[in-house]
């Protein structure tokens, strides 16, 4: 059993840009590289659950995320997720006892130099190490209770509700 389990689901954090196609596609997870760059030395297990834009995550996908969290031996779980439906997945995870779960995403791909991905990942790692059991969202330098946040598209930021 690792100290922290990271479940990846896709989203902007893992998007790639192809000039020839003029569009983004979700690539393999960058979490391992980000953790290596940050010199994270703790025992971390990374599991790629899916590679989806969060707008494409459906109830069956959410059920798979919930099952992965529930069945994991780890009690500290970080989940990378697209920002558009992150709060819906947080709601699905609510009530899983004994787990500290932090969801995070990025408003620009981690492969971009000015991405918020690395900071949000660090916030999520800190959250699962110090927060009480429950579901949290780590975005924009703030840790929100999973049920008390929404994405404000006009501000391109997460805000408390």
N, C-alpha and C. Protein backbone atom coordinates (compact mmCIF):
# COMPACT_ATOMS: atom_id res chain seq x y z
N UNK A 1 0.85 -1.19 0.00
CA UNK A 1 0.00 0.00 0.00
C UNK A 1 0.89 1.24 0.00
N UNK A 2 0.57 2.15 -0.87
CA UNK A 2 1.31 3.41 -0.97
C UNK A 2 0.80 4.41 0.06
N UNK A 3 1.57 5.46 0.29
CA UNK A 3 1.12 6.55 1.16
C UNK A 3 -0.03 7.32 0.52
N UNK A 4 0.09 7.53 -0.79
CA UNK A 4 -0.92 8.29 -1.54
C UNK A 4 -1.19 7.57 -2.86
N UNK A 5 -2.46 7.46 -3.19
CA UNK A 5 -2.88 6.94 -4.49
C UNK A 5 -3.29 8.11 -5.36
N UNK A 6 -2.80 8.15 -6.58
CA UNK A 6 -3.22 9.15 -7.55
C UNK A 6 -4.00 8.43 -8.65
N UNK A 7 -5.25 8.83 -8.81
CA UNK A 7 -6.09 8.32 -9.89
C UNK A 7 -6.18 9.40 -10.96
N UNK A 8 -5.87 9.06 -12.21
CA UNK A 8 -5.95 10.04 -13.28
C UNK A 8 -7.16 9.71 -14.16
N UNK A 9 -7.86 10.76 -14.57
CA UNK A 9 -9.05 10.57 -15.40
C UNK A 9 -8.99 11.36 -16.71
N UNK A 10 -7.97 12.16 -16.89
CA UNK A 10 -7.86 12.98 -18.09
C UNK A 10 -8.09 14.44 -17.76
N UNK A 11 -8.79 15.14 -18.62
CA UNK A 11 -9.03 16.57 -18.42
C UNK A 11 -7.93 17.41 -19.00
N UNK A 12 -8.07 18.70 -18.84
CA UNK A 12 -7.12 19.65 -19.42
C UNK A 12 -5.70 19.41 -18.92
N UNK A 13 -5.54 18.97 -17.70
CA UNK A 13 -4.20 18.76 -17.14
C UNK A 13 -3.35 17.88 -18.06
N UNK A 14 -3.97 16.91 -18.74
CA UNK A 14 -3.25 15.97 -19.60
C UNK A 14 -3.42 16.24 -21.09
N UNK A 15 -3.94 17.39 -21.47
CA UNK A 15 -4.17 17.66 -22.89
C UNK A 15 -2.87 17.98 -23.62
N UNK A 16 -2.87 17.55 -24.87
CA UNK A 16 -1.78 17.81 -25.81
C UNK A 16 -2.32 18.71 -26.91
N UNK A 17 -1.46 19.54 -27.46
CA UNK A 17 -1.88 20.40 -28.57
C UNK A 17 -1.16 19.95 -29.83
N UNK A 18 -1.92 19.72 -30.87
CA UNK A 18 -1.34 19.32 -32.15
C UNK A 18 -1.58 20.44 -33.15
N UNK A 19 -0.51 21.10 -33.59
CA UNK A 19 -0.64 22.20 -34.54
C UNK A 19 -1.36 21.78 -35.81
N UNK A 20 -1.04 20.62 -36.33
CA UNK A 20 -1.63 20.18 -37.59
C UNK A 20 -3.15 19.99 -37.46
N UNK A 21 -3.61 19.66 -36.28
CA UNK A 21 -5.03 19.43 -36.08
C UNK A 21 -5.76 20.64 -35.51
N UNK A 22 -5.00 21.59 -34.97
CA UNK A 22 -5.55 22.78 -34.34
C UNK A 22 -6.58 22.43 -33.26
N UNK A 23 -6.31 21.40 -32.50
CA UNK A 23 -7.20 21.02 -31.42
C UNK A 23 -6.39 20.31 -30.33
N UNK A 24 -7.00 20.20 -29.18
CA UNK A 24 -6.40 19.48 -28.07
C UNK A 24 -6.88 18.04 -28.07
N UNK A 25 -6.02 17.15 -27.62
CA UNK A 25 -6.39 15.77 -27.36
C UNK A 25 -5.80 15.39 -26.02
N UNK A 26 -6.45 14.48 -25.32
CA UNK A 26 -5.94 14.05 -24.02
C UNK A 26 -4.90 12.98 -24.23
N UNK A 27 -3.72 13.20 -23.69
CA UNK A 27 -2.63 12.24 -23.80
C UNK A 27 -2.45 11.49 -22.49
N UNK A 28 -1.35 10.80 -22.38
CA UNK A 28 -1.03 10.09 -21.16
C UNK A 28 -0.84 11.06 -20.01
N UNK A 29 -0.99 10.55 -18.82
CA UNK A 29 -0.90 11.40 -17.63
C UNK A 29 0.51 11.96 -17.45
N UNK A 30 0.56 13.21 -17.03
CA UNK A 30 1.83 13.87 -16.75
C UNK A 30 2.16 13.85 -15.26
N UNK A 31 1.31 13.23 -14.45
CA UNK A 31 1.48 13.29 -13.00
C UNK A 31 2.83 12.73 -12.56
N UNK A 32 3.24 11.60 -13.10
CA UNK A 32 4.54 11.03 -12.71
C UNK A 32 5.68 11.98 -12.96
N UNK A 33 5.66 12.64 -14.11
CA UNK A 33 6.73 13.61 -14.44
C UNK A 33 6.69 14.81 -13.50
N UNK A 34 5.49 15.30 -13.20
CA UNK A 34 5.37 16.44 -12.29
C UNK A 34 5.89 16.08 -10.90
N UNK A 35 5.58 14.89 -10.44
CA UNK A 35 6.05 14.47 -9.11
C UNK A 35 7.57 14.29 -9.09
N UNK A 36 8.12 13.75 -10.18
CA UNK A 36 9.58 13.60 -10.26
C UNK A 36 10.26 14.96 -10.28
N UNK A 37 9.72 15.90 -11.04
CA UNK A 37 10.28 17.25 -11.11
C UNK A 37 10.24 17.92 -9.73
N UNK A 38 9.17 17.67 -8.98
CA UNK A 38 9.03 18.25 -7.65
C UNK A 38 9.83 17.49 -6.59
N UNK A 39 10.48 16.41 -7.01
CA UNK A 39 11.29 15.58 -6.11
C UNK A 39 10.47 14.98 -4.97
N UNK A 40 9.26 14.57 -5.29
CA UNK A 40 8.41 13.91 -4.30
C UNK A 40 9.05 12.55 -3.99
N UNK A 41 9.32 12.32 -2.71
CA UNK A 41 10.01 11.09 -2.31
C UNK A 41 9.10 10.10 -1.59
N UNK A 42 7.88 10.50 -1.29
CA UNK A 42 6.95 9.60 -0.63
C UNK A 42 6.53 8.46 -1.55
N UNK A 43 5.94 7.45 -0.96
CA UNK A 43 5.47 6.30 -1.72
C UNK A 43 4.14 6.65 -2.37
N UNK A 44 4.14 6.76 -3.69
CA UNK A 44 2.95 7.17 -4.45
C UNK A 44 2.65 6.09 -5.49
N UNK A 45 1.39 5.73 -5.57
CA UNK A 45 0.92 4.80 -6.60
C UNK A 45 0.03 5.58 -7.56
N UNK A 46 0.32 5.48 -8.87
CA UNK A 46 -0.45 6.20 -9.89
C UNK A 46 -1.21 5.18 -10.73
N UNK A 47 -2.53 5.40 -10.84
CA UNK A 47 -3.37 4.52 -11.64
C UNK A 47 -4.14 5.38 -12.64
N UNK A 48 -3.97 5.08 -13.92
CA UNK A 48 -4.73 5.79 -14.95
C UNK A 48 -6.07 5.07 -15.13
N UNK A 49 -7.16 5.74 -14.74
CA UNK A 49 -8.48 5.16 -14.89
C UNK A 49 -9.05 5.38 -16.28
N UNK A 50 -8.84 6.57 -16.81
CA UNK A 50 -9.39 6.91 -18.12
C UNK A 50 -8.68 8.14 -18.66
N UNK A 51 -8.90 8.42 -19.93
CA UNK A 51 -8.37 9.62 -20.58
C UNK A 51 -9.55 10.33 -21.23
N UNK A 52 -10.27 11.11 -20.43
CA UNK A 52 -11.48 11.75 -20.94
C UNK A 52 -11.53 13.22 -20.57
N UNK A 53 -12.10 13.99 -21.45
CA UNK A 53 -12.50 15.35 -21.10
C UNK A 53 -13.63 15.19 -20.09
N UNK A 54 -13.68 16.03 -19.08
CA UNK A 54 -14.70 15.83 -18.04
C UNK A 54 -16.12 15.97 -18.59
N UNK A 55 -16.30 16.69 -19.69
CA UNK A 55 -17.63 16.79 -20.29
C UNK A 55 -18.09 15.44 -20.84
N UNK A 56 -17.14 14.52 -21.06
CA UNK A 56 -17.47 13.19 -21.56
C UNK A 56 -17.57 12.14 -20.46
N UNK A 57 -17.28 12.53 -19.22
CA UNK A 57 -17.40 11.58 -18.11
C UNK A 57 -18.88 11.40 -17.79
N UNK A 58 -19.32 10.15 -17.78
CA UNK A 58 -20.73 9.85 -17.55
C UNK A 58 -20.92 9.13 -16.21
N UNK A 59 -22.14 8.74 -15.92
CA UNK A 59 -22.44 8.09 -14.64
C UNK A 59 -21.66 6.78 -14.46
N UNK A 60 -21.48 6.03 -15.54
CA UNK A 60 -20.71 4.78 -15.45
C UNK A 60 -19.25 5.08 -15.11
N UNK A 61 -18.70 6.14 -15.69
CA UNK A 61 -17.32 6.54 -15.38
C UNK A 61 -17.21 6.97 -13.92
N UNK A 62 -18.19 7.75 -13.45
CA UNK A 62 -18.17 8.18 -12.06
C UNK A 62 -18.26 6.97 -11.12
N UNK A 63 -19.08 6.00 -11.49
CA UNK A 63 -19.18 4.78 -10.69
C UNK A 63 -17.83 4.05 -10.63
N UNK A 64 -17.09 4.06 -11.74
CA UNK A 64 -15.77 3.44 -11.77
C UNK A 64 -14.80 4.20 -10.87
N UNK A 65 -14.90 5.52 -10.85
CA UNK A 65 -14.04 6.33 -9.97
C UNK A 65 -14.38 6.03 -8.52
N UNK A 66 -15.66 6.03 -8.19
CA UNK A 66 -16.09 5.73 -6.82
C UNK A 66 -15.61 4.35 -6.40
N UNK A 67 -15.75 3.35 -7.26
CA UNK A 67 -15.31 1.99 -6.94
C UNK A 67 -13.81 1.94 -6.71
N UNK A 68 -13.05 2.65 -7.55
CA UNK A 68 -11.59 2.66 -7.39
C UNK A 68 -11.19 3.27 -6.05
N UNK A 69 -11.88 4.33 -5.65
CA UNK A 69 -11.59 4.97 -4.36
C UNK A 69 -12.00 4.04 -3.21
N UNK A 70 -13.20 3.53 -3.30
CA UNK A 70 -13.72 2.67 -2.23
C UNK A 70 -12.86 1.42 -2.05
N UNK A 71 -12.39 0.82 -3.16
CA UNK A 71 -11.64 -0.42 -3.11
C UNK A 71 -10.15 -0.24 -2.82
N UNK A 72 -9.66 0.98 -2.90
CA UNK A 72 -8.23 1.24 -2.71
C UNK A 72 -7.82 0.99 -1.26
N UNK A 73 -6.68 0.37 -1.05
CA UNK A 73 -6.20 0.21 0.32
C UNK A 73 -5.73 1.53 0.93
N UNK A 74 -5.36 2.49 0.08
CA UNK A 74 -4.89 3.79 0.57
C UNK A 74 -6.07 4.60 1.10
N UNK A 75 -5.79 5.41 2.12
CA UNK A 75 -6.84 6.32 2.61
C UNK A 75 -6.61 7.75 2.16
N UNK A 76 -5.49 8.01 1.49
CA UNK A 76 -5.19 9.33 0.92
C UNK A 76 -5.20 9.20 -0.59
N UNK A 77 -6.16 9.89 -1.21
CA UNK A 77 -6.35 9.71 -2.65
C UNK A 77 -6.45 11.06 -3.35
N UNK A 78 -5.63 11.24 -4.36
CA UNK A 78 -5.62 12.44 -5.20
C UNK A 78 -6.18 12.02 -6.56
N UNK A 79 -7.10 12.82 -7.09
CA UNK A 79 -7.72 12.49 -8.38
C UNK A 79 -7.56 13.68 -9.32
N UNK A 80 -6.90 13.44 -10.47
CA UNK A 80 -6.85 14.48 -11.50
C UNK A 80 -8.12 14.35 -12.32
N UNK A 81 -8.70 15.49 -12.67
CA UNK A 81 -10.03 15.49 -13.29
C UNK A 81 -10.21 16.78 -14.06
N UNK A 82 -10.94 16.73 -15.13
CA UNK A 82 -11.29 17.95 -15.85
C UNK A 82 -12.15 18.84 -14.97
N UNK A 83 -12.06 20.14 -15.20
CA UNK A 83 -12.72 21.10 -14.30
C UNK A 83 -14.21 21.27 -14.55
N UNK A 84 -14.70 20.96 -15.75
CA UNK A 84 -16.09 21.25 -16.04
C UNK A 84 -17.08 20.42 -15.22
N UNK A 85 -16.74 19.18 -14.91
CA UNK A 85 -17.67 18.34 -14.14
C UNK A 85 -17.03 17.79 -12.87
N UNK A 86 -15.97 18.43 -12.43
CA UNK A 86 -15.28 17.99 -11.22
C UNK A 86 -16.20 17.95 -10.01
N UNK A 87 -17.07 18.94 -9.89
CA UNK A 87 -17.96 18.99 -8.72
C UNK A 87 -18.97 17.85 -8.74
N UNK A 88 -19.37 17.39 -9.92
CA UNK A 88 -20.29 16.25 -10.01
C UNK A 88 -19.61 14.98 -9.50
N UNK A 89 -18.34 14.81 -9.85
CA UNK A 89 -17.60 13.65 -9.36
C UNK A 89 -17.36 13.77 -7.86
N UNK A 90 -17.08 14.97 -7.38
CA UNK A 90 -16.92 15.17 -5.93
C UNK A 90 -18.20 14.77 -5.21
N UNK A 91 -19.34 15.12 -5.76
CA UNK A 91 -20.62 14.75 -5.14
C UNK A 91 -20.79 13.24 -5.11
N UNK A 92 -20.38 12.56 -6.17
CA UNK A 92 -20.49 11.10 -6.21
C UNK A 92 -19.59 10.43 -5.18
N UNK A 93 -18.48 11.09 -4.86
CA UNK A 93 -17.53 10.54 -3.88
C UNK A 93 -17.89 10.86 -2.44
N UNK A 94 -18.81 11.77 -2.24
CA UNK A 94 -19.18 12.19 -0.88
C UNK A 94 -19.67 10.99 -0.08
N UNK A 95 -19.28 10.94 1.14
CA UNK A 95 -19.78 9.90 2.03
C UNK A 95 -18.97 8.62 2.06
N UNK A 96 -17.89 8.53 1.29
CA UNK A 96 -17.03 7.34 1.40
C UNK A 96 -16.26 7.49 2.71
N UNK A 97 -16.50 6.60 3.66
CA UNK A 97 -15.88 6.77 4.98
C UNK A 97 -14.38 6.47 4.99
N UNK A 98 -13.67 7.19 5.85
CA UNK A 98 -12.27 6.91 6.12
C UNK A 98 -11.28 7.30 5.05
N UNK A 99 -11.71 8.03 4.04
CA UNK A 99 -10.81 8.43 2.95
C UNK A 99 -10.67 9.94 2.93
N UNK A 100 -9.47 10.39 2.64
CA UNK A 100 -9.19 11.80 2.38
C UNK A 100 -8.95 11.92 0.90
N UNK A 101 -9.89 12.55 0.21
CA UNK A 101 -9.89 12.60 -1.26
C UNK A 101 -9.76 14.05 -1.70
N UNK A 102 -8.81 14.32 -2.58
CA UNK A 102 -8.67 15.67 -3.14
C UNK A 102 -8.69 15.57 -4.65
N UNK A 103 -9.62 16.30 -5.26
CA UNK A 103 -9.67 16.40 -6.72
C UNK A 103 -8.98 17.68 -7.14
N UNK A 104 -8.33 17.62 -8.28
CA UNK A 104 -7.69 18.80 -8.84
C UNK A 104 -7.75 18.73 -10.34
N UNK A 105 -7.61 19.84 -10.95
CA UNK A 105 -7.54 19.93 -12.39
C UNK A 105 -6.62 21.06 -12.77
N UNK A 106 -6.73 21.47 -14.01
CA UNK A 106 -5.93 22.60 -14.49
C UNK A 106 -6.76 23.37 -15.49
N UNK A 107 -6.56 24.65 -15.51
CA UNK A 107 -7.26 25.50 -16.46
C UNK A 107 -6.46 25.67 -17.75
N UNK A 108 -5.21 25.20 -17.75
CA UNK A 108 -4.42 25.07 -18.97
C UNK A 108 -3.57 23.81 -18.83
N UNK A 109 -3.22 23.17 -19.93
CA UNK A 109 -2.50 21.90 -19.87
C UNK A 109 -1.19 21.99 -19.09
N UNK A 110 -0.86 20.90 -18.38
CA UNK A 110 0.36 20.86 -17.58
C UNK A 110 1.60 21.03 -18.45
N UNK A 111 1.49 20.68 -19.71
CA UNK A 111 2.63 20.80 -20.61
C UNK A 111 2.93 22.25 -20.99
N UNK A 112 2.03 23.17 -20.66
CA UNK A 112 2.25 24.59 -20.92
C UNK A 112 3.06 25.18 -19.76
N UNK A 113 3.97 26.08 -20.06
CA UNK A 113 4.85 26.63 -19.03
C UNK A 113 4.11 27.45 -17.98
N UNK A 114 3.00 28.05 -18.35
CA UNK A 114 2.27 28.87 -17.38
C UNK A 114 1.02 28.19 -16.85
N UNK A 115 1.05 26.89 -16.77
CA UNK A 115 -0.09 26.11 -16.28
C UNK A 115 -0.19 26.18 -14.76
N UNK A 116 -1.41 26.06 -14.28
CA UNK A 116 -1.67 25.97 -12.84
C UNK A 116 -1.62 24.53 -12.35
N UNK A 117 -1.34 23.58 -13.22
CA UNK A 117 -1.40 22.15 -12.88
C UNK A 117 -0.47 21.77 -11.73
N UNK A 118 0.78 22.18 -11.79
CA UNK A 118 1.75 21.78 -10.77
C UNK A 118 1.34 22.31 -9.40
N UNK A 119 0.92 23.56 -9.34
CA UNK A 119 0.50 24.15 -8.08
C UNK A 119 -0.72 23.42 -7.52
N UNK A 120 -1.70 23.14 -8.38
CA UNK A 120 -2.90 22.45 -7.92
C UNK A 120 -2.59 21.04 -7.46
N UNK A 121 -1.68 20.36 -8.13
CA UNK A 121 -1.27 19.02 -7.71
C UNK A 121 -0.62 19.08 -6.32
N UNK A 122 0.25 20.05 -6.11
CA UNK A 122 0.88 20.21 -4.79
C UNK A 122 -0.14 20.49 -3.70
N UNK A 123 -1.12 21.35 -4.02
CA UNK A 123 -2.19 21.64 -3.06
C UNK A 123 -2.97 20.37 -2.71
N UNK A 124 -3.26 19.55 -3.71
CA UNK A 124 -4.02 18.32 -3.48
C UNK A 124 -3.21 17.35 -2.62
N UNK A 125 -1.92 17.25 -2.88
CA UNK A 125 -1.07 16.37 -2.06
C UNK A 125 -1.05 16.84 -0.61
N UNK A 126 -0.93 18.13 -0.39
CA UNK A 126 -0.94 18.67 0.97
C UNK A 126 -2.30 18.41 1.62
N UNK A 127 -3.36 18.58 0.86
CA UNK A 127 -4.70 18.41 1.40
C UNK A 127 -4.91 17.00 1.95
N UNK A 128 -4.55 15.98 1.17
CA UNK A 128 -4.81 14.62 1.64
C UNK A 128 -3.91 14.23 2.81
N UNK A 129 -2.87 15.00 3.06
CA UNK A 129 -1.99 14.71 4.19
C UNK A 129 -2.43 15.40 5.48
N UNK A 130 -3.20 16.49 5.37
CA UNK A 130 -3.54 17.24 6.59
C UNK A 130 -5.03 17.44 6.82
N UNK A 131 -5.84 17.28 5.81
CA UNK A 131 -7.28 17.54 5.95
C UNK A 131 -7.98 16.35 6.64
N UNK A 132 -9.15 16.63 7.14
CA UNK A 132 -9.99 15.58 7.71
C UNK A 132 -10.50 14.69 6.58
N UNK A 133 -10.96 13.50 6.95
CA UNK A 133 -11.57 12.61 5.96
C UNK A 133 -12.71 13.35 5.27
N UNK A 134 -12.86 13.12 3.99
CA UNK A 134 -13.90 13.78 3.21
C UNK A 134 -13.41 14.02 1.80
N UNK A 135 -14.22 14.72 1.03
CA UNK A 135 -13.90 15.03 -0.36
C UNK A 135 -13.64 16.51 -0.50
N UNK A 136 -12.51 16.84 -1.09
CA UNK A 136 -12.03 18.22 -1.22
C UNK A 136 -11.71 18.52 -2.67
N UNK A 137 -11.73 19.78 -3.04
CA UNK A 137 -11.28 20.23 -4.35
C UNK A 137 -10.19 21.27 -4.13
N UNK A 138 -9.02 21.01 -4.73
CA UNK A 138 -7.87 21.90 -4.60
C UNK A 138 -7.65 22.62 -5.93
N UNK A 139 -8.08 23.88 -5.98
CA UNK A 139 -7.97 24.67 -7.20
C UNK A 139 -7.73 26.13 -6.84
N UNK A 140 -6.96 26.82 -7.66
CA UNK A 140 -6.77 28.26 -7.54
C UNK A 140 -6.22 28.69 -6.19
N UNK A 141 -5.36 27.87 -5.59
CA UNK A 141 -4.74 28.23 -4.31
C UNK A 141 -5.67 28.09 -3.13
N UNK A 142 -6.80 27.43 -3.30
CA UNK A 142 -7.76 27.25 -2.22
C UNK A 142 -8.18 25.80 -2.16
N UNK A 143 -8.45 25.32 -0.95
CA UNK A 143 -9.00 23.98 -0.76
C UNK A 143 -10.46 24.17 -0.37
N UNK A 144 -11.34 23.66 -1.19
CA UNK A 144 -12.78 23.80 -0.99
C UNK A 144 -13.38 22.47 -0.54
N UNK A 145 -14.33 22.49 0.39
CA UNK A 145 -15.10 21.26 0.61
C UNK A 145 -15.79 20.89 -0.69
N UNK A 146 -15.78 19.62 -1.05
CA UNK A 146 -16.28 19.18 -2.35
C UNK A 146 -17.69 19.60 -2.67
N UNK A 147 -18.53 19.74 -1.65
CA UNK A 147 -19.94 20.09 -1.88
C UNK A 147 -20.19 21.59 -1.82
N UNK A 148 -19.15 22.39 -1.63
CA UNK A 148 -19.34 23.83 -1.42
C UNK A 148 -18.56 24.68 -2.41
N UNK A 149 -18.50 24.22 -3.65
CA UNK A 149 -17.71 24.93 -4.65
C UNK A 149 -18.37 24.76 -6.02
N UNK A 150 -18.11 25.74 -6.89
CA UNK A 150 -18.55 25.63 -8.27
C UNK A 150 -17.50 26.31 -9.14
N UNK A 151 -17.51 25.93 -10.41
CA UNK A 151 -16.63 26.59 -11.37
C UNK A 151 -17.38 27.80 -11.92
N UNK A 152 -16.76 28.96 -11.79
CA UNK A 152 -17.31 30.20 -12.34
C UNK A 152 -16.63 30.42 -13.69
N UNK A 153 -17.34 30.09 -14.74
CA UNK A 153 -16.76 30.16 -16.08
C UNK A 153 -16.42 31.59 -16.49
N UNK A 154 -17.17 32.57 -16.00
CA UNK A 154 -16.88 33.96 -16.37
C UNK A 154 -15.55 34.42 -15.77
N UNK A 155 -15.19 33.90 -14.61
CA UNK A 155 -13.92 34.25 -13.96
C UNK A 155 -12.83 33.23 -14.24
N UNK A 156 -13.22 32.08 -14.83
CA UNK A 156 -12.30 30.97 -15.07
C UNK A 156 -11.59 30.56 -13.77
N UNK A 157 -12.42 30.40 -12.73
CA UNK A 157 -11.90 30.05 -11.42
C UNK A 157 -12.97 29.32 -10.63
N UNK A 158 -12.54 28.62 -9.60
CA UNK A 158 -13.46 27.97 -8.68
C UNK A 158 -13.78 28.94 -7.55
N UNK A 159 -15.04 28.93 -7.12
CA UNK A 159 -15.49 29.84 -6.06
C UNK A 159 -16.35 29.06 -5.09
N UNK A 160 -16.32 29.50 -3.85
CA UNK A 160 -17.15 28.87 -2.81
C UNK A 160 -18.62 29.20 -3.05
N UNK A 161 -19.48 28.27 -2.67
CA UNK A 161 -20.93 28.53 -2.74
C UNK A 161 -21.54 28.39 -1.35
